PDB file of N, CA and C in Angstrom:
ATOM      1  N   MET A   1      -0.714  -3.885 -23.691  1.00  0.00           N
ATOM      2  CA  MET A   1       0.003  -3.200 -22.630  1.00  0.00           C
ATOM      3  C   MET A   1      -0.982  -2.325 -21.859  1.00  0.00           C
ATOM      4  N   PRO A   2      -1.084  -2.471 -20.532  1.00  0.00           N
ATOM      5  CA  PRO A   2      -2.036  -1.661 -19.775  1.00  0.00           C
ATOM      6  C   PRO A   2      -1.623  -0.193 -19.745  1.00  0.00           C
ATOM      7  N   LYS A   3      -2.628   0.668 -19.704  1.00  0.00           N
ATOM      8  CA  LYS A   3      -2.367   2.089 -19.544  1.00  0.00           C
ATOM      9  C   LYS A   3      -1.876   2.356 -18.134  1.00  0.00           C
ATOM     10  N   LYS A   4      -1.169   3.452 -17.952  1.00  0.00           N
ATOM     11  CA  LYS A   4      -0.648   3.820 -16.643  1.00  0.00           C
ATOM     12  C   LYS A   4      -1.763   3.894 -15.599  1.00  0.00           C
ATOM     13  N   SER A   5      -2.939   4.399 -15.980  1.00  0.00           N
ATOM     14  CA  SER A   5      -4.042   4.549 -15.034  1.00  0.00           C
ATOM     15  C   SER A   5      -4.699   3.226 -14.680  1.00  0.00           C
ATOM     16  N   ASP A   6      -4.415   2.163 -15.445  1.00  0.00           N
ATOM     17  CA  ASP A   6      -5.011   0.860 -15.202  1.00  0.00           C
ATOM     18  C   ASP A   6      -4.206   0.005 -14.237  1.00  0.00           C
ATOM     19  N   SER A   7      -3.062   0.478 -13.793  1.00  0.00           N
ATOM     20  CA  SER A   7      -2.238  -0.349 -12.925  1.00  0.00           C
ATOM     21  C   SER A   7      -1.806   0.422 -11.690  1.00  0.00           C
ATOM     22  N   ALA A   8      -1.498  -0.352 -10.663  1.00  0.00           N
ATOM     23  CA  ALA A   8      -1.011   0.215  -9.406  1.00  0.00           C
ATOM     24  C   ALA A   8      -0.140  -0.829  -8.745  1.00  0.00           C
ATOM     25  N   GLN A   9       0.634  -0.420  -7.781  1.00  0.00           N
ATOM     26  CA  GLN A   9       1.437  -1.362  -7.016  1.00  0.00           C
ATOM     27  C   GLN A   9       1.046  -1.271  -5.561  1.00  0.00           C
ATOM     28  N   VAL A  10       0.940  -2.432  -4.924  1.00  0.00           N
ATOM     29  CA  VAL A  10       0.601  -2.511  -3.513  1.00  0.00           C
ATOM     30  C   VAL A  10       1.831  -2.981  -2.771  1.00  0.00           C
ATOM     31  N   PRO A  11       2.378  -2.189  -1.843  1.00  0.00           N
ATOM     32  CA  PRO A  11       3.540  -2.650  -1.080  1.00  0.00           C
ATOM     33  C   PRO A  11       3.144  -3.752  -0.107  1.00  0.00           C
ATOM     34  N   ILE A  12       4.030  -4.700   0.089  1.00  0.00           N
ATOM     35  CA  ILE A  12       3.802  -5.806   1.008  1.00  0.00           C
ATOM     36  C   ILE A  12       4.637  -5.554   2.253  1.00  0.00           C
ATOM     37  N   ASN A  13       4.007  -5.565   3.421  1.00  0.00           N
ATOM     38  CA  ASN A  13       4.696  -5.262   4.670  1.00  0.00           C
ATOM     39  C   ASN A  13       4.614  -6.421   5.650  1.00  0.00           C
ATOM     40  N   GLU A  14       5.000  -7.594   5.217  1.00  0.00           N
ATOM     41  CA  GLU A  14       5.010  -8.754   6.101  1.00  0.00           C
ATOM     42  C   GLU A  14       6.386  -8.882   6.731  1.00  0.00           C
ATOM     43  N   GLY A  15       6.559  -9.877   7.587  1.00  0.00           N
ATOM     44  CA  GLY A  15       7.765 -10.011   8.375  1.00  0.00           C
ATOM     45  C   GLY A  15       9.001 -10.479   7.646  1.00  0.00           C
ATOM     46  N   THR A  16       8.891 -11.194   6.534  1.00  0.00           N
ATOM     47  CA  THR A  16      10.073 -11.752   5.891  1.00  0.00           C
ATOM     48  C   THR A  16      10.777 -10.710   5.037  1.00  0.00           C
ATOM     49  N   ALA A  17      12.073 -10.881   4.875  1.00  0.00           N
ATOM     50  CA  ALA A  17      12.856  -9.953   4.061  1.00  0.00           C
ATOM     51  C   ALA A  17      12.388  -9.994   2.610  1.00  0.00           C
ATOM     52  N   ALA A  18      12.038 -11.189   2.106  1.00  0.00           N
ATOM     53  CA  ALA A  18      11.568 -11.306   0.724  1.00  0.00           C
ATOM     54  C   ALA A  18      10.271 -10.535   0.532  1.00  0.00           C
ATOM     55  N   ALA A  19       9.385 -10.590   1.503  1.00  0.00           N
ATOM     56  CA  ALA A  19       8.104  -9.886   1.397  1.00  0.00           C
ATOM     57  C   ALA A  19       8.299  -8.376   1.450  1.00  0.00           C
ATOM     58  N   LYS A  20       9.214  -7.902   2.262  1.00  0.00           N
ATOM     59  CA  LYS A  20       9.449  -6.465   2.361  1.00  0.00           C
ATOM     60  C   LYS A  20      10.075  -5.899   1.098  1.00  0.00           C
ATOM     61  N   ALA A  21      10.759  -6.730   0.332  1.00  0.00           N
ATOM     62  CA  ALA A  21      11.484  -6.275  -0.844  1.00  0.00           C
ATOM     63  C   ALA A  21      10.647  -6.315  -2.115  1.00  0.00           C
ATOM     64  N   ARG A  22       9.346  -6.595  -2.019  1.00  0.00           N
ATOM     65  CA  ARG A  22       8.553  -6.704  -3.240  1.00  0.00           C
ATOM     66  C   ARG A  22       7.279  -5.872  -3.168  1.00  0.00           C
ATOM     67  N   SER A  23       6.681  -5.673  -4.307  1.00  0.00           N
ATOM     68  CA  SER A  23       5.379  -5.038  -4.399  1.00  0.00           C
ATOM     69  C   SER A  23       4.544  -5.874  -5.365  1.00  0.00           C
ATOM     70  N   ILE A  24       3.235  -5.691  -5.305  1.00  0.00           N
ATOM     71  CA  ILE A  24       2.337  -6.471  -6.154  1.00  0.00           C
ATOM     72  C   ILE A  24       1.625  -5.531  -7.100  1.00  0.00           C
ATOM     73  N   ASP A  25       1.670  -5.859  -8.382  1.00  0.00           N
ATOM     74  CA  ASP A  25       0.986  -5.065  -9.391  1.00  0.00           C
ATOM     75  C   ASP A  25      -0.502  -5.380  -9.392  1.00  0.00           C
ATOM     76  N   ILE A  26      -1.308  -4.343  -9.536  1.00  0.00           N
ATOM     77  CA  ILE A  26      -2.743  -4.483  -9.757  1.00  0.00           C
ATOM     78  C   ILE A  26      -3.004  -3.925 -11.145  1.00  0.00           C
ATOM     79  N   ILE A  27      -3.447  -4.776 -12.050  1.00  0.00           N
ATOM     80  CA  ILE A  27      -3.714  -4.358 -13.422  1.00  0.00           C
ATOM     81  C   ILE A  27      -5.179  -4.651 -13.727  1.00  0.00           C
ATOM     82  N   ASN A  28      -5.915  -3.617 -14.101  1.00  0.00           N
ATOM     83  CA  ASN A  28      -7.351  -3.737 -14.366  1.00  0.00           C
ATOM     84  C   ASN A  28      -8.084  -4.364 -13.183  1.00  0.00           C
ATOM     85  N   ASN A  29      -7.724  -3.919 -11.974  1.00  0.00           N
ATOM     86  CA  ASN A  29      -8.378  -4.368 -10.739  1.00  0.00           C
ATOM     87  C   ASN A  29      -8.159  -5.858 -10.470  1.00  0.00           C
ATOM     88  N   ARG A  30      -7.012  -6.397 -10.896  1.00  0.00           N
ATOM     89  CA  ARG A  30      -6.724  -7.824 -10.750  1.00  0.00           C
ATOM     90  C   ARG A  30      -5.319  -8.018 -10.185  1.00  0.00           C
ATOM     91  N   ILE A  31      -5.196  -8.939  -9.225  1.00  0.00           N
ATOM     92  CA  ILE A  31      -3.911  -9.349  -8.656  1.00  0.00           C
ATOM     93  C   ILE A  31      -3.715 -10.815  -8.992  1.00  0.00           C
ATOM     94  N   GLU A  32      -2.570 -11.173  -9.512  1.00  0.00           N
ATOM     95  CA  GLU A  32      -2.278 -12.569  -9.810  1.00  0.00           C
ATOM     96  C   GLU A  32      -1.877 -13.294  -8.521  1.00  0.00           C
ATOM     97  N   SER A  33      -2.472 -14.440  -8.269  1.00  0.00           N
ATOM     98  CA  SER A  33      -2.217 -15.170  -7.028  1.00  0.00           C
ATOM     99  C   SER A  33      -0.759 -15.590  -6.895  1.00  0.00           C
ATOM    100  N   ARG A  34      -0.091 -15.875  -7.992  1.00  0.00           N
ATOM    101  CA  ARG A  34       1.319 -16.279  -7.901  1.00  0.00           C
ATOM    102  C   ARG A  34       2.174 -15.170  -7.286  1.00  0.00           C
ATOM    103  N   ASN A  35       1.725 -13.912  -7.419  1.00  0.00           N
ATOM    104  CA  ASN A  35       2.437 -12.794  -6.809  1.00  0.00           C
ATOM    105  C   ASN A  35       2.190 -12.707  -5.308  1.00  0.00           C
ATOM    106  N   LEU A  36       1.054 -13.205  -4.845  1.00  0.00           N
ATOM    107  CA  LEU A  36       0.751 -13.212  -3.414  1.00  0.00           C
ATOM    108  C   LEU A  36       1.508 -14.306  -2.681  1.00  0.00           C
ATOM    109  N   PHE A  37       1.636 -15.467  -3.314  1.00  0.00           N
ATOM    110  CA  PHE A  37       2.189 -16.649  -2.649  1.00  0.00           C
ATOM    111  C   PHE A  37       3.632 -16.932  -3.063  1.00  0.00           C
ATOM    112  N   VAL A  38       4.450 -15.898  -3.153  1.00  0.00           N
ATOM    113  CA  VAL A  38       5.853 -16.068  -3.546  1.00  0.00           C
ATOM    114  C   VAL A  38       6.640 -16.813  -2.475  1.00  0.00           C
ATOM    115  N   ALA A  39       6.507 -16.427  -1.228  1.00  0.00           N
ATOM    116  CA  ALA A  39       7.337 -16.988  -0.159  1.00  0.00           C
ATOM    117  C   ALA A  39       6.531 -17.800   0.854  1.00  0.00           C
ATOM    118  N   THR A  40       5.236 -18.020   0.593  1.00  0.00           N
ATOM    119  CA  THR A  40       4.390 -18.673   1.582  1.00  0.00           C
ATOM    120  C   THR A  40       3.211 -19.363   0.909  1.00  0.00           C
ATOM    121  N   LYS A  41       2.514 -20.206   1.650  1.00  0.00           N
ATOM    122  CA  LYS A  41       1.309 -20.887   1.155  1.00  0.00           C
ATOM    123  C   LYS A  41       0.050 -20.288   1.781  1.00  0.00           C
ATOM    124  N   GLU A  42       0.212 -19.311   2.677  1.00  0.00           N
ATOM    125  CA  GLU A  42      -0.934 -18.719   3.357  1.00  0.00           C
ATOM    126  C   GLU A  42      -0.680 -17.249   3.647  1.00  0.00           C
ATOM    127  N   ILE A  43      -1.699 -16.416   3.421  1.00  0.00           N
ATOM    128  CA  ILE A  43      -1.623 -15.017   3.794  1.00  0.00           C
ATOM    129  C   ILE A  43      -2.848 -14.682   4.643  1.00  0.00           C
ATOM    130  N   THR A  44      -2.754 -13.643   5.435  1.00  0.00           N
ATOM    131  CA  THR A  44      -3.900 -13.195   6.218  1.00  0.00           C
ATOM    132  C   THR A  44      -4.371 -11.858   5.663  1.00  0.00           C
ATOM    133  N   ILE A  45      -5.692 -11.664   5.729  1.00  0.00           N
ATOM    134  CA  ILE A  45      -6.321 -10.453   5.220  1.00  0.00           C
ATOM    135  C   ILE A  45      -7.172  -9.867   6.343  1.00  0.00           C
ATOM    136  N   GLY A  46      -6.955  -8.616   6.685  1.00  0.00           N
ATOM    137  CA  GLY A  46      -7.773  -7.934   7.674  1.00  0.00           C
ATOM    138  C   GLY A  46      -8.907  -7.210   6.978  1.00  0.00           C
ATOM    139  N   HIS A  47     -10.133  -7.416   7.483  1.00  0.00           N
ATOM    140  CA  HIS A  47     -11.301  -6.770   6.886  1.00  0.00           C
ATOM    141  C   HIS A  47     -12.304  -6.440   7.982  1.00  0.00           C
ATOM    142  N   GLU A  48     -12.531  -5.149   8.205  1.00  0.00           N
ATOM    143  CA  GLU A  48     -13.482  -4.659   9.200  1.00  0.00           C
ATOM    144  C   GLU A  48     -13.283  -5.308  10.573  1.00  0.00           C
ATOM    145  N   GLY A  49     -12.038  -5.383  11.001  1.00  0.00           N
ATOM    146  CA  GLY A  49     -11.717  -5.914  12.316  1.00  0.00           C
ATOM    147  C   GLY A  49     -11.644  -7.437  12.394  1.00  0.00           C
ATOM    148  N   GLU A  50     -11.950  -8.116  11.323  1.00  0.00           N
ATOM    149  CA  GLU A  50     -11.874  -9.579  11.279  1.00  0.00           C
ATOM    150  C   GLU A  50     -10.624  -9.996  10.516  1.00  0.00           C
ATOM    151  N   VAL A  51     -10.140 -11.201  10.807  1.00  0.00           N
ATOM    152  CA  VAL A  51      -8.973 -11.730  10.111  1.00  0.00           C
ATOM    153  C   VAL A  51      -9.396 -12.945   9.298  1.00  0.00           C
ATOM    154  N   TYR A  52      -9.042 -12.933   8.022  1.00  0.00           N
ATOM    155  CA  TYR A  52      -9.331 -14.035   7.109  1.00  0.00           C
ATOM    156  C   TYR A  52      -8.020 -14.653   6.660  1.00  0.00           C
ATOM    157  N   ARG A  53      -8.034 -15.947   6.385  1.00  0.00           N
ATOM    158  CA  ARG A  53      -6.859 -16.656   5.875  1.00  0.00           C
ATOM    159  C   ARG A  53      -7.116 -17.068   4.435  1.00  0.00           C
ATOM    160  N   LEU A  54      -6.192 -16.717   3.542  1.00  0.00           N
ATOM    161  CA  LEU A  54      -6.237 -17.177   2.163  1.00  0.00           C
ATOM    162  C   LEU A  54      -5.101 -18.175   2.004  1.00  0.00           C
ATOM    163  N   ARG A  55      -5.480 -19.413   1.687  1.00  0.00           N
ATOM    164  CA  ARG A  55      -4.522 -20.516   1.682  1.00  0.00           C
ATOM    165  C   ARG A  55      -4.443 -21.137   0.300  1.00  0.00           C
ATOM    166  N   LEU A  56      -3.240 -21.514  -0.109  1.00  0.00           N
ATOM    167  CA  LEU A  56      -2.995 -22.230  -1.354  1.00  0.00           C
ATOM    168  C   LEU A  56      -2.844 -23.701  -1.005  1.00  0.00           C
ATOM    169  N   THR A  57      -3.702 -24.553  -1.557  1.00  0.00           N
ATOM    170  CA  THR A  57      -3.688 -25.978  -1.210  1.00  0.00           C
ATOM    171  C   THR A  57      -2.654 -26.748  -2.019  1.00  0.00           C
ATOM    172  N   ALA A  58      -2.481 -28.005  -1.653  1.00  0.00           N
ATOM    173  CA  ALA A  58      -1.558 -28.886  -2.368  1.00  0.00           C
ATOM    174  C   ALA A  58      -2.008 -29.120  -3.811  1.00  0.00           C
ATOM    175  N   LEU A  59      -3.323 -28.990  -4.060  1.00  0.00           N
ATOM    176  CA  LEU A  59      -3.856 -29.159  -5.416  1.00  0.00           C
ATOM    177  C   LEU A  59      -3.948 -27.825  -6.166  1.00  0.00           C
ATOM    178  N   ASN A  60      -3.280 -26.793  -5.635  1.00  0.00           N
ATOM    179  CA  ASN A  60      -3.200 -25.470  -6.248  1.00  0.00           C
ATOM    180  C   ASN A  60      -4.563 -24.757  -6.308  1.00  0.00           C
ATOM    181  N   LYS A  61      -5.392 -24.994  -5.305  1.00  0.00           N
ATOM    182  CA  LYS A  61      -6.671 -24.315  -5.172  1.00  0.00           C
ATOM    183  C   LYS A  61      -6.554 -23.254  -4.084  1.00  0.00           C
ATOM    184  N   LEU A  62      -7.442 -22.256  -4.108  1.00  0.00           N
ATOM    185  CA  LEU A  62      -7.465 -21.221  -3.092  1.00  0.00           C
ATOM    186  C   LEU A  62      -8.630 -21.470  -2.126  1.00  0.00           C
ATOM    187  N   ILE A  63      -8.363 -21.334  -0.823  1.00  0.00           N
ATOM    188  CA  ILE A  63      -9.391 -21.462   0.186  1.00  0.00           C
ATOM    189  C   ILE A  63      -9.316 -20.220   1.080  1.00  0.00           C
ATOM    190  N   LEU A  64     -10.461 -19.537   1.221  1.00  0.00           N
ATOM    191  CA  LEU A  64     -10.572 -18.366   2.085  1.00  0.00           C
ATOM    192  C   LEU A  64     -11.426 -18.751   3.277  1.00  0.00           C
ATOM    193  N   THR A  65     -10.858 -18.605   4.496  1.00  0.00           N
ATOM    194  CA  THR A  65     -11.599 -18.923   5.724  1.00  0.00           C
ATOM    195  C   THR A  65     -11.524 -17.761   6.677  1.00  0.00           C
ATOM    196  N   LYS A  66     -12.540 -17.699   7.558  1.00  0.00           N
ATOM    197  CA  LYS A  66     -12.610 -16.653   8.576  1.00  0.00           C
ATOM    198  C   LYS A  66     -11.991 -17.166   9.857  1.00  0.00           C
TER     199      LYS A  66
END
């Protein structure tokens, strides 16, 4: 069982009602991908003014593109 200090929750603020109603646990600096891709096969990540796409493929692989 993780200690309280080892976990955090990240609120999700995307457009869908399902996304607004959930949060993602971070335990020991780790996020499970199944928690990211609950309602979609692709998410976008903003980093230093750039937008990246994290996509879940048909073969259940992750692809990160700029």
